[in-house]
C-alpha atoms as a PDB file:
ATOM      1  CA  MET A   1     -34.136  44.815  30.780  1.00  0.00           C
ATOM      2  CA  ASN A   2     -30.883  43.568  31.307  1.00  0.00           C
ATOM      3  CA  SER A   3     -28.593  43.726  28.295  1.00  0.00           C
ATOM      4  CA  ILE A   4     -26.041  40.653  27.588  1.00  0.00           C
ATOM      5  CA  VAL A   5     -22.610  41.372  25.745  1.00  0.00           C
ATOM      6  CA  VAL A   6     -20.876  38.640  24.068  1.00  0.00           C
ATOM      7  CA  PRO A   7     -17.566  39.670  22.743  1.00  0.00           C
ATOM      8  CA  ASP A   8     -15.302  37.353  20.768  1.00  0.00           C
ATOM      9  CA  ALA A   9     -12.348  37.380  23.061  1.00  0.00           C
ATOM     10  CA  SER A  10     -10.062  39.521  25.183  1.00  0.00           C
ATOM     11  CA  THR A  11      -6.390  39.433  25.643  1.00  0.00           C
ATOM     12  CA  ALA A  12      -4.289  40.765  28.595  1.00  0.00           C
ATOM     13  CA  GLY A  13      -0.412  40.797  28.619  1.00  0.00           C
ATOM     14  CA  PRO A  14       1.764  40.149  31.261  1.00  0.00           C
ATOM     15  CA  GLY A  15       1.889  42.304  34.561  1.00  0.00           C
ATOM     16  CA  PRO A  16      -0.692  43.386  37.003  1.00  0.00           C
ATOM     17  CA  PHE A  17      -4.141  45.172  36.377  1.00  0.00           C
ATOM     18  CA  THR A  18      -7.114  46.030  38.724  1.00  0.00           C
ATOM     19  CA  ALA A  19     -10.391  44.668  37.638  1.00  0.00           C
ATOM     20  CA  VAL A  20     -13.699  46.183  38.797  1.00  0.00           C
ATOM     21  CA  ARG A  21     -17.108  44.820  38.024  1.00  0.00           C
ATOM     22  CA  ASP A  22     -19.296  47.811  38.234  1.00  0.00           C
ATOM     23  CA  GLY A  23     -22.844  47.254  37.299  1.00  0.00           C
ATOM     24  CA  TYR A  24     -22.443  44.088  35.540  1.00  0.00           C
ATOM     25  CA  HIS A  25     -21.886  40.236  36.094  1.00  0.00           C
ATOM     26  CA  GLU A  26     -19.172  38.403  33.947  1.00  0.00           C
ATOM     27  CA  VAL A  27     -18.549  34.699  33.283  1.00  0.00           C
ATOM     28  CA  CYS A  28     -15.456  34.020  31.483  1.00  0.00           C
ATOM     29  CA  GLN A  29     -13.476  30.951  30.477  1.00  0.00           C
ATOM     30  CA  ILE A  30      -9.601  31.100  30.033  1.00  0.00           C
ATOM     31  CA  LEU A  31      -8.566  29.982  26.713  1.00  0.00           C
ATOM     32  CA  SER A  32      -4.789  30.258  27.045  1.00  0.00           C
ATOM     33  CA  GLY A  33      -2.043  31.786  29.433  1.00  0.00           C
ATOM     34  CA  ARG A  34      -1.716  31.981  33.125  1.00  0.00           C
ATOM     35  CA  ALA A  35      -2.529  34.296  35.985  1.00  0.00           C
ATOM     36  CA  THR A  36      -3.131  34.869  39.603  1.00  0.00           C
ATOM     37  CA  ILE A  37      -6.229  36.460  40.675  1.00  0.00           C
ATOM     38  CA  VAL A  38      -6.162  38.331  44.039  1.00  0.00           C
ATOM     39  CA  GLY A  39      -9.680  39.181  45.615  1.00  0.00           C
ATOM     40  CA  GLN A  40      -9.958  42.244  47.969  1.00  0.00           C
ATOM     41  CA  ASP A  41      -9.814  39.844  50.960  1.00  0.00           C
ATOM     42  CA  GLY A  42      -6.332  38.586  49.758  1.00  0.00           C
ATOM     43  CA  THR A  43      -7.626  35.093  48.585  1.00  0.00           C
ATOM     44  CA  THR A  44      -5.961  34.053  45.468  1.00  0.00           C
ATOM     45  CA  GLN A  45      -7.013  31.731  42.554  1.00  0.00           C
ATOM     46  CA  GLU A  46      -4.622  30.246  40.026  1.00  0.00           C
ATOM     47  CA  VAL A  47      -6.154  30.432  36.398  1.00  0.00           C
ATOM     48  CA  GLY A  48      -4.937  28.718  33.111  1.00  0.00           C
ATOM     49  CA  PRO A  49      -6.722  27.261  30.035  1.00  0.00           C
ATOM     50  CA  GLY A  50     -10.051  25.640  30.667  1.00  0.00           C
ATOM     51  CA  SER A  51     -10.585  27.497  34.029  1.00  0.00           C
ATOM     52  CA  THR A  52     -14.099  29.193  34.280  1.00  0.00           C
ATOM     53  CA  LEU A  53     -14.618  32.192  36.346  1.00  0.00           C
ATOM     54  CA  VAL A  54     -18.038  33.862  37.706  1.00  0.00           C
ATOM     55  CA  MET A  55     -17.504  37.425  38.681  1.00  0.00           C
ATOM     56  CA  PRO A  56     -20.441  38.970  40.455  1.00  0.00           C
ATOM     57  CA  ALA A  57     -21.214  42.760  40.029  1.00  0.00           C
ATOM     58  CA  GLY A  58     -19.295  44.888  42.525  1.00  0.00           C
ATOM     59  CA  ARG A  59     -16.394  42.390  42.575  1.00  0.00           C
ATOM     60  CA  GLN A  60     -12.997  44.090  42.700  1.00  0.00           C
ATOM     61  CA  GLY A  61      -9.617  42.274  42.471  1.00  0.00           C
ATOM     62  CA  GLU A  62      -6.104  42.260  40.895  1.00  0.00           C
ATOM     63  CA  TRP A  63      -5.042  40.053  37.856  1.00  0.00           C
ATOM     64  CA  ARG A  64      -1.540  39.072  38.000  1.00  0.00           C
ATOM     65  CA  VAL A  65      -0.871  38.038  34.436  1.00  0.00           C
ATOM     66  CA  HIS A  66       2.189  35.651  34.403  1.00  0.00           C
ATOM     67  CA  GLU A  67       1.691  34.452  30.599  1.00  0.00           C
ATOM     68  CA  THR A  68      -0.447  36.550  28.116  1.00  0.00           C
ATOM     69  CA  VAL A  69      -4.195  35.450  28.873  1.00  0.00           C
ATOM     70  CA  ARG A  70      -6.667  34.972  26.162  1.00  0.00           C
ATOM     71  CA  LYS A  71     -10.260  34.626  27.479  1.00  0.00           C
ATOM     72  CA  THR A  72     -13.679  34.592  26.214  1.00  0.00           C
ATOM     73  CA  TYR A  73     -16.652  35.979  28.325  1.00  0.00           C
ATOM     74  CA  VAL A  74     -20.124  37.135  28.729  1.00  0.00           C
ATOM     75  CA  THR A  75     -21.368  40.031  30.677  1.00  0.00           C
ATOM     76  CA  THR A  76     -24.807  41.073  31.810  1.00  0.00           C
ATOM     77  CA  ARG A  77     -25.753  44.502  33.079  1.00  0.00           C
ATOM     78  CA  LEU A  78     -28.017  44.924  36.154  1.00  0.00           C
END
């Protein structure tokens, strides 16, 4: 049976970090802040307040946080 995790919120300060979704899917909504998300293929996506992201299991990319990002999210394990 898949498990679903619903945390309150998550915060990431300015700077880059690598995100890997191993074994779970994530849906998140940006509450505040701004970032650029760079996919493995080099595509970029600008996100800010109100942006909703669906990140499937196995997705890897880099977040370049410009202003501290606060997000709420749900994950489901495979």
